[in-house]
Amino acid sequence: MSQYILPPEWAPQSAVQLTWSHGDSDWAPYLIEVEPVFVELARQISLREKVLIACHDEDLREHVRTLLHRAGVNEQNLRLLVAPSNDTWARDHGPITVFDGGKPCLLDFGFNGWGLKYRANFDNQITRRLHAQGAFGDAPLRTIGMILEGGGIESDGQGTLLTTAECLLSPNRNPHLSPEELEAELRRLFGVQRVLWLHHGYLAGDDTDSHVDTLARLCSADTIAYVRCDDPADEHFEALMAMETELQGFRTLDGKPYHLVPLPWPAPRRNAEGDRLPATYANFLIINGAVLVPTYRDTQDAAALSALAACFPDREIIGIDCSPLIQQFGSLHCVTMQIPEGVVP
């Protein structure tokens, strides 16, 4: 019988997947602003591991190749493949890699546009298309008849899964499963001993139904970084204070309180229509030797980088301006998916 292990994000990686933005998507009005963010992400990642990029069509692949060449990206670490896409959120349509008997296996969960909010007919096929092209080497692919996005879960690699009830229990994701049945599936598929459920916390402008990677992140087996709002006048204040209380009540596998690291709260950001945008410093990405942290041209950027430097003393902390990304209601972690060591050739 299979006994899967879901590695933590800080485990050694072979690659990070990106799905490049393009003009046939909601990114069309923002391409000039957002492409430099993708270029910088690819550049930073390529210095440390491979970058696997899904391109909407052959023309986009050549365009991306040219952009990255001009930016001095390490081309030996580039893997550019064609796979049609609706959007760019690789965290949620990319594969979730587990280890089965020490060997990697890709789990391809269903992606339905965060509970049927957006079209996802192409995005839901990206992992299978990339796998068919050999992007993931010899790692087997298992398609799972369950809706789940990578941004909705955090693993410590030791048997704990952190998630939010608002997302995983959404009626438009897996209505056929009761909460108890859903938790049993999480335990089985990821080989975890327990699931820590957050029932509070949200970000205005977030389309994901409170993905945990916008709110609270495991930095090690005993450390959680989380967003905290200190402004009683802010609409998030009560919900995030309630989330902080929940986190304070959690215990590690050996029964100790977690070391909790509050992340600063950036000033409200809004788009041209006046909608609040989900700027969050919790949406960082851990890669080999570094942590890529979203910044927002905000006075709290430096404090966020400092807080995360204390969480990852052995890694370089690199800020990347993600102001363009939040125009489409996501950030740095949302557009990336790490692939563990031993997968991408």
C-alpha atoms as a PDB file:
ATOM      1  CA  MET A   1       0.000   0.000   0.000  1.00  0.00           C
ATOM      2  CA  SER A   2       1.271   3.481  -0.893  1.00  0.00           C
ATOM      3  CA  GLN A   3       2.375   5.745   1.941  1.00  0.00           C
ATOM      4  CA  TYR A   4       2.945   9.183   0.526  1.00  0.00           C
ATOM      5  CA  ILE A   5       5.062  11.931   2.071  1.00  0.00           C
ATOM      6  CA  LEU A   6       4.444  15.555   1.080  1.00  0.00           C
ATOM      7  CA  PRO A   7       7.799  17.341   1.363  1.00  0.00           C
ATOM      8  CA  PRO A   8       7.936  20.848   2.811  1.00  0.00           C
ATOM      9  CA  GLU A   9       8.725  23.744   0.519  1.00  0.00           C
ATOM     10  CA  TRP A  10      12.170  24.116   2.086  1.00  0.00           C
ATOM     11  CA  ALA A  11      13.207  20.622   0.904  1.00  0.00           C
ATOM     12  CA  PRO A  12      15.746  20.510  -1.979  1.00  0.00           C
ATOM     13  CA  GLN A  13      14.179  21.344  -5.344  1.00  0.00           C
ATOM     14  CA  SER A  14      14.862  20.444  -8.957  1.00  0.00           C
ATOM     15  CA  ALA A  15      12.810  23.272 -10.469  1.00  0.00           C
ATOM     16  CA  VAL A  16      10.075  25.852 -10.119  1.00  0.00           C
ATOM     17  CA  GLN A  17       7.212  25.955 -12.604  1.00  0.00           C
ATOM     18  CA  LEU A  18       5.871  29.203 -14.056  1.00  0.00           C
ATOM     19  CA  THR A  19       2.946  29.602 -16.464  1.00  0.00           C
ATOM     20  CA  TRP A  20       3.679  32.716 -18.517  1.00  0.00           C
ATOM     21  CA  SER A  21       1.115  35.493 -18.864  1.00  0.00           C
ATOM     22  CA  HIS A  22      -0.245  36.176 -22.356  1.00  0.00           C
ATOM     23  CA  GLY A  23      -2.584  38.424 -24.320  1.00  0.00           C
ATOM     24  CA  ASP A  24      -5.435  35.923 -24.589  1.00  0.00           C
ATOM     25  CA  SER A  25      -5.970  36.061 -20.826  1.00  0.00           C
ATOM     26  CA  ASP A  26      -7.108  38.580 -18.225  1.00  0.00           C
ATOM     27  CA  TRP A  27      -3.490  39.804 -18.191  1.00  0.00           C
ATOM     28  CA  ALA A  28      -3.856  41.520 -21.573  1.00  0.00           C
ATOM     29  CA  PRO A  29      -4.077  45.088 -20.137  1.00  0.00           C
ATOM     30  CA  TYR A  30      -1.143  44.469 -17.774  1.00  0.00           C
ATOM     31  CA  LEU A  31       1.399  42.586 -19.889  1.00  0.00           C
ATOM     32  CA  ILE A  32       3.889  45.467 -20.108  1.00  0.00           C
ATOM     33  CA  GLU A  33       3.865  45.751 -16.315  1.00  0.00           C
ATOM     34  CA  VAL A  34       3.759  42.083 -15.379  1.00  0.00           C
ATOM     35  CA  GLU A  35       6.241  40.488 -17.771  1.00  0.00           C
ATOM     36  CA  PRO A  36       9.251  42.062 -15.990  1.00  0.00           C
ATOM     37  CA  VAL A  37       8.061  40.387 -12.778  1.00  0.00           C
ATOM     38  CA  PHE A  38       8.064  36.992 -14.493  1.00  0.00           C
ATOM     39  CA  VAL A  39      11.473  37.720 -16.027  1.00  0.00           C
ATOM     40  CA  GLU A  40      12.964  38.564 -12.632  1.00  0.00           C
ATOM     41  CA  LEU A  41      11.401  35.489 -11.047  1.00  0.00           C
ATOM     42  CA  ALA A  42      12.844  33.294 -13.792  1.00  0.00           C
ATOM     43  CA  ARG A  43      16.253  34.967 -13.466  1.00  0.00           C
ATOM     44  CA  GLN A  44      16.477  34.522  -9.711  1.00  0.00           C
ATOM     45  CA  ILE A  45      15.281  30.931  -9.827  1.00  0.00           C
ATOM     46  CA  SER A  46      17.621  30.010 -12.711  1.00  0.00           C
ATOM     47  CA  LEU A  47      20.628  31.042 -10.624  1.00  0.00           C
ATOM     48  CA  ARG A  48      19.798  28.247  -8.176  1.00  0.00           C
ATOM     49  CA  GLU A  49      17.737  25.576  -9.988  1.00  0.00           C
ATOM     50  CA  LYS A  50      15.804  24.915 -13.170  1.00  0.00           C
ATOM     51  CA  VAL A  51      12.850  26.993 -14.348  1.00  0.00           C
ATOM     52  CA  LEU A  52      10.056  25.095 -16.096  1.00  0.00           C
ATOM     53  CA  ILE A  53       7.877  27.521 -18.057  1.00  0.00           C
ATOM     54  CA  ALA A  54       4.546  26.623 -19.643  1.00  0.00           C
ATOM     55  CA  CYS A  55       3.934  28.844 -22.687  1.00  0.00           C
ATOM     56  CA  HIS A  56       0.487  29.285 -24.249  1.00  0.00           C
ATOM     57  CA  ASP A  57       1.709  28.638 -27.806  1.00  0.00           C
ATOM     58  CA  GLU A  58       4.843  28.448 -29.918  1.00  0.00           C
ATOM     59  CA  ASP A  59       4.924  32.206 -30.555  1.00  0.00           C
ATOM     60  CA  LEU A  60       4.881  32.904 -26.831  1.00  0.00           C
ATOM     61  CA  ARG A  61       7.653  30.376 -26.253  1.00  0.00           C
ATOM     62  CA  GLU A  62       9.925  32.203 -28.665  1.00  0.00           C
ATOM     63  CA  HIS A  63       8.953  35.555 -27.147  1.00  0.00           C
ATOM     64  CA  VAL A  64       9.783  34.281 -23.648  1.00  0.00           C
ATOM     65  CA  ARG A  65      13.058  32.797 -24.861  1.00  0.00           C
ATOM     66  CA  THR A  66      14.060  36.183 -26.280  1.00  0.00           C
ATOM     67  CA  LEU A  67      13.050  38.074 -23.133  1.00  0.00           C
ATOM     68  CA  LEU A  68      14.988  35.755 -20.852  1.00  0.00           C
ATOM     69  CA  HIS A  69      18.066  35.763 -23.096  1.00  0.00           C
ATOM     70  CA  ARG A  70      18.146  39.565 -22.979  1.00  0.00           C
ATOM     71  CA  ALA A  71      17.823  39.457 -19.189  1.00  0.00           C
ATOM     72  CA  GLY A  72      20.830  37.173 -18.871  1.00  0.00           C
ATOM     73  CA  VAL A  73      18.889  34.234 -17.488  1.00  0.00           C
ATOM     74  CA  ASN A  74      20.922  31.037 -17.067  1.00  0.00           C
ATOM     75  CA  GLU A  75      19.672  29.273 -20.191  1.00  0.00           C
ATOM     76  CA  GLN A  76      21.068  25.897 -19.146  1.00  0.00           C
ATOM     77  CA  ASN A  77      18.451  25.934 -16.413  1.00  0.00           C
ATOM     78  CA  LEU A  78      15.546  26.866 -18.707  1.00  0.00           C
ATOM     79  CA  ARG A  79      12.857  24.437 -19.810  1.00  0.00           C
ATOM     80  CA  LEU A  80      10.322  26.116 -22.142  1.00  0.00           C
ATOM     81  CA  LEU A  81       7.350  23.990 -23.165  1.00  0.00           C
ATOM     82  CA  VAL A  82       4.055  24.711 -24.921  1.00  0.00           C
ATOM     83  CA  ALA A  83       0.812  24.156 -23.003  1.00  0.00           C
ATOM     84  CA  PRO A  84      -2.287  26.326 -23.563  1.00  0.00           C
ATOM     85  CA  SER A  85      -3.388  28.240 -20.465  1.00  0.00           C
ATOM     86  CA  ASN A  86      -6.279  30.361 -19.253  1.00  0.00           C
ATOM     87  CA  ASP A  87      -4.227  32.154 -16.622  1.00  0.00           C
ATOM     88  CA  THR A  88      -0.870  32.122 -14.835  1.00  0.00           C
ATOM     89  CA  TRP A  89      -1.428  30.749 -11.345  1.00  0.00           C
ATOM     90  CA  ALA A  90       0.887  27.720 -11.435  1.00  0.00           C
ATOM     91  CA  ARG A  91       0.550  27.233  -7.672  1.00  0.00           C
ATOM     92  CA  ASP A  92      -2.998  26.078  -8.196  1.00  0.00           C
ATOM     93  CA  HIS A  93      -2.921  24.210 -11.513  1.00  0.00           C
ATOM     94  CA  GLY A  94       0.599  22.799 -11.184  1.00  0.00           C
ATOM     95  CA  PRO A  95       1.423  19.302  -9.900  1.00  0.00           C
ATOM     96  CA  ILE A  96       1.751  18.543  -6.213  1.00  0.00           C
ATOM     97  CA  THR A  97       4.723  16.219  -5.801  1.00  0.00           C
ATOM     98  CA  VAL A  98       4.755  13.555  -3.111  1.00  0.00           C
ATOM     99  CA  PHE A  99       7.219  10.777  -2.405  1.00  0.00           C
ATOM    100  CA  ASP A 100       6.065   7.178  -2.460  1.00  0.00           C
ATOM    101  CA  GLY A 101       8.664   4.796  -1.058  1.00  0.00           C
ATOM    102  CA  GLY A 102      11.306   7.480  -1.581  1.00  0.00           C
ATOM    103  CA  LYS A 103      10.425   8.016  -5.237  1.00  0.00           C
ATOM    104  CA  PRO A 104       8.618  11.127  -6.555  1.00  0.00           C
ATOM    105  CA  CYS A 105       5.055  10.906  -7.837  1.00  0.00           C
ATOM    106  CA  LEU A 106       3.056  13.797  -9.308  1.00  0.00           C
ATOM    107  CA  LEU A 107      -0.494  14.247  -8.071  1.00  0.00           C
ATOM    108  CA  ASP A 108      -2.659  16.025 -10.634  1.00  0.00           C
ATOM    109  CA  PHE A 109      -5.670  17.336  -8.743  1.00  0.00           C
ATOM    110  CA  GLY A 110      -8.631  18.876 -10.507  1.00  0.00           C
ATOM    111  CA  PHE A 111      -8.553  22.661 -10.903  1.00  0.00           C
ATOM    112  CA  ASN A 112     -11.905  24.375 -11.463  1.00  0.00           C
ATOM    113  CA  GLY A 113     -11.031  28.067 -11.275  1.00  0.00           C
ATOM    114  CA  TRP A 114     -11.237  28.351  -7.456  1.00  0.00           C
ATOM    115  CA  GLY A 115     -14.705  26.930  -7.114  1.00  0.00           C
ATOM    116  CA  LEU A 116     -16.053  27.731 -10.614  1.00  0.00           C
ATOM    117  CA  LYS A 117     -15.233  31.457 -10.499  1.00  0.00           C
ATOM    118  CA  TYR A 118     -13.203  31.480 -13.741  1.00  0.00           C
ATOM    119  CA  ARG A 119     -12.615  29.399 -16.861  1.00  0.00           C
ATOM    120  CA  ALA A 120     -10.008  26.710 -16.269  1.00  0.00           C
ATOM    121  CA  ASN A 121     -10.430  24.296 -19.178  1.00  0.00           C
ATOM    122  CA  PHE A 122      -6.827  24.780 -20.355  1.00  0.00           C
ATOM    123  CA  ASP A 123      -5.261  25.224 -16.905  1.00  0.00           C
ATOM    124  CA  ASN A 124      -6.770  21.945 -15.733  1.00  0.00           C
ATOM    125  CA  GLN A 125      -4.803  20.118 -18.466  1.00  0.00           C
ATOM    126  CA  ILE A 126      -1.401  21.806 -18.094  1.00  0.00           C
ATOM    127  CA  THR A 127       0.167  19.205 -15.804  1.00  0.00           C
ATOM    128  CA  ARG A 128      -0.867  16.339 -18.075  1.00  0.00           C
ATOM    129  CA  ARG A 129       0.362  18.174 -21.172  1.00  0.00           C
ATOM    130  CA  LEU A 130       3.748  18.934 -19.599  1.00  0.00           C
ATOM    131  CA  HIS A 131       4.087  15.380 -18.324  1.00  0.00           C
ATOM    132  CA  ALA A 132       3.391  14.002 -21.804  1.00  0.00           C
ATOM    133  CA  GLN A 133       6.290  16.126 -23.107  1.00  0.00           C
ATOM    134  CA  GLY A 134       8.715  14.660 -20.558  1.00  0.00           C
ATOM    135  CA  ALA A 135       8.921  17.781 -18.399  1.00  0.00           C
ATOM    136  CA  PHE A 136       8.961  15.742 -15.202  1.00  0.00           C
ATOM    137  CA  GLY A 137      11.364  13.026 -16.287  1.00  0.00           C
ATOM    138  CA  ASP A 138      10.380   9.525 -15.253  1.00  0.00           C
ATOM    139  CA  ALA A 139       8.152  10.594 -12.355  1.00  0.00           C
ATOM    140  CA  PRO A 140       4.730   8.937 -12.686  1.00  0.00           C
ATOM    141  CA  LEU A 141       1.582  11.068 -12.846  1.00  0.00           C
ATOM    142  CA  ARG A 142      -1.539  10.210 -10.911  1.00  0.00           C
ATOM    143  CA  THR A 143      -4.745  12.106 -11.696  1.00  0.00           C
ATOM    144  CA  ILE A 144      -6.847  12.635  -8.580  1.00  0.00           C
ATOM    145  CA  GLY A 145     -10.638  12.973  -8.734  1.00  0.00           C
ATOM    146  CA  MET A 146     -10.706  15.793  -6.216  1.00  0.00           C
ATOM    147  CA  ILE A 147     -10.460  19.582  -6.479  1.00  0.00           C
ATOM    148  CA  LEU A 148      -7.420  20.947  -4.653  1.00  0.00           C
ATOM    149  CA  GLU A 149      -5.061  23.866  -5.217  1.00  0.00           C
ATOM    150  CA  GLY A 150      -1.458  24.000  -4.061  1.00  0.00           C
ATOM    151  CA  GLY A 151      -2.009  27.396  -2.471  1.00  0.00           C
ATOM    152  CA  GLY A 152      -4.540  25.835  -0.132  1.00  0.00           C
ATOM    153  CA  ILE A 153      -2.141  23.607   1.800  1.00  0.00           C
ATOM    154  CA  GLU A 154       1.138  23.834   3.734  1.00  0.00           C
ATOM    155  CA  SER A 155       3.222  20.810   4.800  1.00  0.00           C
ATOM    156  CA  ASP A 156       6.017  20.444   7.335  1.00  0.00           C
ATOM    157  CA  GLY A 157       7.117  17.138   5.777  1.00  0.00           C
ATOM    158  CA  GLN A 158       6.785  15.456   9.167  1.00  0.00           C
ATOM    159  CA  GLY A 159       3.088  14.670   9.223  1.00  0.00           C
ATOM    160  CA  THR A 160       1.355  18.038   9.638  1.00  0.00           C
ATOM    161  CA  LEU A 161      -0.811  19.799   7.068  1.00  0.00           C
ATOM    162  CA  LEU A 162      -1.946  23.406   7.598  1.00  0.00           C
ATOM    163  CA  THR A 163      -5.002  24.653   5.709  1.00  0.00           C
ATOM    164  CA  THR A 164      -8.138  26.807   5.872  1.00  0.00           C
ATOM    165  CA  ALA A 165     -11.717  25.627   6.223  1.00  0.00           C
ATOM    166  CA  GLU A 166     -13.018  28.465   4.035  1.00  0.00           C
ATOM    167  CA  CYS A 167     -11.130  27.118   1.025  1.00  0.00           C
ATOM    168  CA  LEU A 168     -11.127  23.355   1.365  1.00  0.00           C
ATOM    169  CA  LEU A 169     -14.731  23.136   2.521  1.00  0.00           C
ATOM    170  CA  SER A 170     -15.999  25.451  -0.225  1.00  0.00           C
ATOM    171  CA  PRO A 171     -19.278  24.021  -1.613  1.00  0.00           C
ATOM    172  CA  ASN A 172     -18.041  24.455  -5.200  1.00  0.00           C
ATOM    173  CA  ARG A 173     -14.944  22.330  -4.746  1.00  0.00           C
ATOM    174  CA  ASN A 174     -15.782  18.928  -3.281  1.00  0.00           C
ATOM    175  CA  PRO A 175     -19.452  18.988  -2.244  1.00  0.00           C
ATOM    176  CA  HIS A 176     -19.596  15.184  -2.311  1.00  0.00           C
ATOM    177  CA  LEU A 177     -17.212  14.983   0.655  1.00  0.00           C
ATOM    178  CA  SER A 178     -18.116  15.753   4.259  1.00  0.00           C
ATOM    179  CA  PRO A 179     -15.456  17.591   6.307  1.00  0.00           C
ATOM    180  CA  GLU A 180     -14.499  14.273   7.916  1.00  0.00           C
ATOM    181  CA  GLU A 181     -14.235  12.529   4.555  1.00  0.00           C
ATOM    182  CA  LEU A 182     -12.183  15.372   3.120  1.00  0.00           C
ATOM    183  CA  GLU A 183      -9.732  15.253   6.017  1.00  0.00           C
ATOM    184  CA  ALA A 184      -9.439  11.493   5.618  1.00  0.00           C
ATOM    185  CA  GLU A 185      -8.539  12.006   1.944  1.00  0.00           C
ATOM    186  CA  LEU A 186      -5.913  14.602   2.857  1.00  0.00           C
ATOM    187  CA  ARG A 187      -4.367  12.206   5.352  1.00  0.00           C
ATOM    188  CA  ARG A 188      -4.345   9.382   2.820  1.00  0.00           C
ATOM    189  CA  LEU A 189      -3.068  11.313  -0.185  1.00  0.00           C
ATOM    190  CA  PHE A 190      -0.352  13.219   1.667  1.00  0.00           C
ATOM    191  CA  GLY A 191       0.537  10.675   4.337  1.00  0.00           C
ATOM    192  CA  VAL A 192      -0.049  13.189   7.128  1.00  0.00           C
ATOM    193  CA  GLN A 193      -0.919  12.406  10.725  1.00  0.00           C
ATOM    194  CA  ARG A 194      -3.043  15.481  11.294  1.00  0.00           C
ATOM    195  CA  VAL A 195      -4.592  18.539   9.685  1.00  0.00           C
ATOM    196  CA  LEU A 196      -4.495  21.935  11.376  1.00  0.00           C
ATOM    197  CA  TRP A 197      -7.591  23.888  10.280  1.00  0.00           C
ATOM    198  CA  LEU A 198      -7.745  27.681  10.344  1.00  0.00           C
ATOM    199  CA  HIS A 199     -11.346  28.888  10.553  1.00  0.00           C
ATOM    200  CA  HIS A 200     -10.571  32.625  10.543  1.00  0.00           C
ATOM    201  CA  GLY A 201      -8.660  35.009   8.325  1.00  0.00           C
ATOM    202  CA  TYR A 202      -9.180  36.399   4.837  1.00  0.00           C
ATOM    203  CA  LEU A 203      -7.863  39.038   2.436  1.00  0.00           C
ATOM    204  CA  ALA A 204     -10.142  41.399   0.560  1.00  0.00           C
ATOM    205  CA  GLY A 205      -9.678  40.940  -3.185  1.00  0.00           C
ATOM    206  CA  ASP A 206      -8.591  37.327  -2.832  1.00  0.00           C
ATOM    207  CA  ASP A 207     -10.477  35.024  -5.219  1.00  0.00           C
ATOM    208  CA  THR A 208      -9.272  31.770  -3.667  1.00  0.00           C
ATOM    209  CA  ASP A 209     -11.544  31.571  -0.605  1.00  0.00           C
ATOM    210  CA  SER A 210      -8.662  32.248   1.803  1.00  0.00           C
ATOM    211  CA  HIS A 211      -5.768  30.165   0.548  1.00  0.00           C
ATOM    212  CA  VAL A 212      -3.455  29.504   3.448  1.00  0.00           C
ATOM    213  CA  ASP A 213      -0.452  30.771   1.451  1.00  0.00           C
ATOM    214  CA  THR A 214      -1.871  34.296   1.657  1.00  0.00           C
ATOM    215  CA  LEU A 215      -2.286  34.115   5.440  1.00  0.00           C
ATOM    216  CA  ALA A 216       0.020  31.740   7.333  1.00  0.00           C
ATOM    217  CA  ARG A 217       3.114  29.820   6.214  1.00  0.00           C
ATOM    218  CA  LEU A 218       5.200  27.070   7.712  1.00  0.00           C
ATOM    219  CA  CYS A 219       8.844  28.177   7.718  1.00  0.00           C
ATOM    220  CA  SER A 220      10.095  25.096   9.576  1.00  0.00           C
ATOM    221  CA  ALA A 221       8.538  22.289  11.583  1.00  0.00           C
ATOM    222  CA  ASP A 222       8.101  24.650  14.547  1.00  0.00           C
ATOM    223  CA  THR A 223       7.773  28.135  12.998  1.00  0.00           C
ATOM    224  CA  ILE A 224       4.782  29.816  11.336  1.00  0.00           C
ATOM    225  CA  ALA A 225       4.919  33.269   9.745  1.00  0.00           C
ATOM    226  CA  TYR A 226       1.524  34.910   9.459  1.00  0.00           C
ATOM    227  CA  VAL A 227      -0.084  38.210   8.508  1.00  0.00           C
ATOM    228  CA  ARG A 228      -1.189  40.422  11.368  1.00  0.00           C
ATOM    229  CA  CYS A 229      -3.294  43.579  11.121  1.00  0.00           C
ATOM    230  CA  ASP A 230      -2.712  46.085  13.921  1.00  0.00           C
ATOM    231  CA  ASP A 231      -5.201  48.666  12.677  1.00  0.00           C
ATOM    232  CA  PRO A 232      -8.586  48.338  14.459  1.00  0.00           C
ATOM    233  CA  ALA A 233     -10.153  50.503  11.746  1.00  0.00           C
ATOM    234  CA  ASP A 234      -9.168  48.048   8.999  1.00  0.00           C
ATOM    235  CA  GLU A 235     -11.838  45.624   7.794  1.00  0.00           C
ATOM    236  CA  HIS A 236      -9.461  42.690   8.350  1.00  0.00           C
ATOM    237  CA  PHE A 237      -8.670  43.444  11.976  1.00  0.00           C
ATOM    238  CA  GLU A 238     -11.134  41.145  13.739  1.00  0.00           C
ATOM    239  CA  ALA A 239     -10.721  38.172  11.389  1.00  0.00           C
ATOM    240  CA  LEU A 240      -6.927  38.289  11.503  1.00  0.00           C
ATOM    241  CA  MET A 241      -6.857  38.709  15.276  1.00  0.00           C
ATOM    242  CA  ALA A 242      -9.094  35.619  15.511  1.00  0.00           C
ATOM    243  CA  MET A 243      -6.679  33.775  13.218  1.00  0.00           C
ATOM    244  CA  GLU A 244      -3.765  34.781  15.433  1.00  0.00           C
ATOM    245  CA  THR A 245      -5.593  33.320  18.442  1.00  0.00           C
ATOM    246  CA  GLU A 246      -6.107  30.072  16.530  1.00  0.00           C
ATOM    247  CA  LEU A 247      -2.407  29.918  15.655  1.00  0.00           C
ATOM    248  CA  GLN A 248      -1.487  30.505  19.291  1.00  0.00           C
ATOM    249  CA  GLY A 249      -3.550  27.452  20.198  1.00  0.00           C
ATOM    250  CA  PHE A 250      -1.825  25.136  17.706  1.00  0.00           C
ATOM    251  CA  ARG A 251       0.885  22.765  18.914  1.00  0.00           C
ATOM    252  CA  THR A 252       3.751  21.058  17.137  1.00  0.00           C
ATOM    253  CA  LEU A 253       3.833  17.279  16.862  1.00  0.00           C
ATOM    254  CA  ASP A 254       5.807  17.141  20.118  1.00  0.00           C
ATOM    255  CA  GLY A 255       3.237  19.274  21.914  1.00  0.00           C
ATOM    256  CA  LYS A 256       5.001  22.635  22.008  1.00  0.00           C
ATOM    257  CA  PRO A 257       3.561  25.998  20.895  1.00  0.00           C
ATOM    258  CA  TYR A 258       4.687  27.147  17.485  1.00  0.00           C
ATOM    259  CA  HIS A 259       7.166  29.985  17.189  1.00  0.00           C
ATOM    260  CA  LEU A 260       4.893  32.583  15.603  1.00  0.00           C
ATOM    261  CA  VAL A 261       6.372  35.360  13.461  1.00  0.00           C
ATOM    262  CA  PRO A 262       3.963  38.192  12.603  1.00  0.00           C
ATOM    263  CA  LEU A 263       4.420  39.796   9.201  1.00  0.00           C
ATOM    264  CA  PRO A 264       3.692  43.503   8.735  1.00  0.00           C
ATOM    265  CA  TRP A 265       0.528  44.834   7.170  1.00  0.00           C
ATOM    266  CA  PRO A 266       1.004  46.902   3.994  1.00  0.00           C
ATOM    267  CA  ALA A 267      -1.114  49.981   3.369  1.00  0.00           C
ATOM    268  CA  PRO A 268      -4.353  49.273   1.456  1.00  0.00           C
ATOM    269  CA  ARG A 269      -3.841  48.998  -2.302  1.00  0.00           C
ATOM    270  CA  ARG A 270      -6.681  49.452  -4.767  1.00  0.00           C
ATOM    271  CA  ASN A 271      -7.110  49.134  -8.517  1.00  0.00           C
ATOM    272  CA  ALA A 272      -8.569  51.718 -10.868  1.00  0.00           C
ATOM    273  CA  GLU A 273     -12.075  50.506 -10.059  1.00  0.00           C
ATOM    274  CA  GLY A 274     -11.510  50.986  -6.337  1.00  0.00           C
ATOM    275  CA  ASP A 275     -11.322  47.283  -5.482  1.00  0.00           C
ATOM    276  CA  ARG A 276      -8.939  46.401  -2.682  1.00  0.00           C
ATOM    277  CA  LEU A 277      -6.018  44.235  -3.811  1.00  0.00           C
ATOM    278  CA  PRO A 278      -4.649  41.312  -1.763  1.00  0.00           C
ATOM    279  CA  ALA A 279      -1.143  42.528  -0.939  1.00  0.00           C
ATOM    280  CA  THR A 280       0.391  40.038   1.506  1.00  0.00           C
ATOM    281  CA  TYR A 281       3.947  39.321   2.558  1.00  0.00           C
ATOM    282  CA  ALA A 282       3.002  35.728   3.398  1.00  0.00           C
ATOM    283  CA  ASN A 283       3.030  34.878  -0.319  1.00  0.00           C
ATOM    284  CA  PHE A 284       6.791  34.223  -0.429  1.00  0.00           C
ATOM    285  CA  LEU A 285       8.526  31.318  -2.205  1.00  0.00           C
ATOM    286  CA  ILE A 286      11.280  29.179  -0.670  1.00  0.00           C
ATOM    287  CA  ILE A 287      13.835  27.972  -3.238  1.00  0.00           C
ATOM    288  CA  ASN A 288      17.288  26.417  -3.036  1.00  0.00           C
ATOM    289  CA  GLY A 289      19.401  28.787  -0.957  1.00  0.00           C
ATOM    290  CA  ALA A 290      16.973  31.711  -1.031  1.00  0.00           C
ATOM    291  CA  VAL A 291      13.511  33.050  -0.253  1.00  0.00           C
ATOM    292  CA  LEU A 292      11.799  35.236  -2.851  1.00  0.00           C
ATOM    293  CA  VAL A 293       9.571  37.733  -1.066  1.00  0.00           C
ATOM    294  CA  PRO A 294       6.884  39.900  -2.665  1.00  0.00           C
ATOM    295  CA  THR A 295       7.222  43.628  -2.089  1.00  0.00           C
ATOM    296  CA  TYR A 296       4.692  46.324  -2.936  1.00  0.00           C
ATOM    297  CA  ARG A 297       6.508  49.693  -2.962  1.00  0.00           C
ATOM    298  CA  ASP A 298       5.283  50.037   0.600  1.00  0.00           C
ATOM    299  CA  THR A 299       6.895  51.418   3.743  1.00  0.00           C
ATOM    300  CA  GLN A 300       6.524  47.969   5.339  1.00  0.00           C
ATOM    301  CA  ASP A 301       8.572  46.156   2.679  1.00  0.00           C
ATOM    302  CA  ALA A 302      11.831  46.393   4.631  1.00  0.00           C
ATOM    303  CA  ALA A 303      10.218  45.147   7.844  1.00  0.00           C
ATOM    304  CA  ALA A 304       8.769  42.149   5.986  1.00  0.00           C
ATOM    305  CA  LEU A 305      12.157  41.238   4.523  1.00  0.00           C
ATOM    306  CA  SER A 306      13.730  41.543   7.971  1.00  0.00           C
ATOM    307  CA  ALA A 307      11.074  39.362   9.621  1.00  0.00           C
ATOM    308  CA  LEU A 308      11.545  36.618   7.048  1.00  0.00           C
ATOM    309  CA  ALA A 309      15.331  36.855   7.257  1.00  0.00           C
ATOM    310  CA  ALA A 310      14.994  35.837  10.905  1.00  0.00           C
ATOM    311  CA  CYS A 311      12.885  32.829   9.845  1.00  0.00           C
ATOM    312  CA  PHE A 312      15.423  31.696   7.224  1.00  0.00           C
ATOM    313  CA  PRO A 313      18.895  32.576   8.553  1.00  0.00           C
ATOM    314  CA  ASP A 314      20.636  30.219   6.115  1.00  0.00           C
ATOM    315  CA  ARG A 315      18.958  31.569   2.973  1.00  0.00           C
ATOM    316  CA  GLU A 316      19.327  34.764   0.984  1.00  0.00           C
ATOM    317  CA  ILE A 317      16.234  36.988   1.249  1.00  0.00           C
ATOM    318  CA  ILE A 318      15.350  38.592  -2.093  1.00  0.00           C
ATOM    319  CA  GLY A 319      12.560  41.110  -2.535  1.00  0.00           C
ATOM    320  CA  ILE A 320      10.703  41.198  -5.857  1.00  0.00           C
ATOM    321  CA  ASP A 321       8.255  43.995  -6.653  1.00  0.00           C
ATOM    322  CA  CYS A 322       4.918  42.239  -7.143  1.00  0.00           C
ATOM    323  CA  SER A 323       2.705  45.307  -7.413  1.00  0.00           C
ATOM    324  CA  PRO A 324       1.722  44.274 -10.965  1.00  0.00           C
ATOM    325  CA  LEU A 325       0.755  40.751  -9.865  1.00  0.00           C
ATOM    326  CA  ILE A 326      -1.817  41.885  -7.327  1.00  0.00           C
ATOM    327  CA  GLN A 327      -3.675  43.719 -10.106  1.00  0.00           C
ATOM    328  CA  GLN A 328      -5.008  40.257 -10.920  1.00  0.00           C
ATOM    329  CA  PHE A 329      -5.530  39.386  -7.231  1.00  0.00           C
ATOM    330  CA  GLY A 330      -2.539  37.128  -6.572  1.00  0.00           C
ATOM    331  CA  SER A 331       1.144  37.415  -5.753  1.00  0.00           C
ATOM    332  CA  LEU A 332       4.540  35.714  -5.948  1.00  0.00           C
ATOM    333  CA  HIS A 333       3.823  32.302  -4.422  1.00  0.00           C
ATOM    334  CA  CYS A 334       0.607  32.067  -6.448  1.00  0.00           C
ATOM    335  CA  VAL A 335       2.437  32.157  -9.806  1.00  0.00           C
ATOM    336  CA  THR A 336       5.016  29.525  -8.864  1.00  0.00           C
ATOM    337  CA  MET A 337       5.072  25.813  -8.052  1.00  0.00           C
ATOM    338  CA  GLN A 338       8.207  24.164  -6.712  1.00  0.00           C
ATOM    339  CA  ILE A 339       9.142  20.706  -7.973  1.00  0.00           C
ATOM    340  CA  PRO A 340      11.258  18.651  -5.533  1.00  0.00           C
ATOM    341  CA  GLU A 341      14.704  17.284  -6.218  1.00  0.00           C
ATOM    342  CA  GLY A 342      14.919  14.301  -8.543  1.00  0.00           C
ATOM    343  CA  VAL A 343      12.029  15.185 -10.843  1.00  0.00           C
ATOM    344  CA  VAL A 344      12.803  17.735 -13.600  1.00  0.00           C
ATOM    345  CA  PRO A 345      15.730  16.494 -15.735  1.00  0.00           C
END
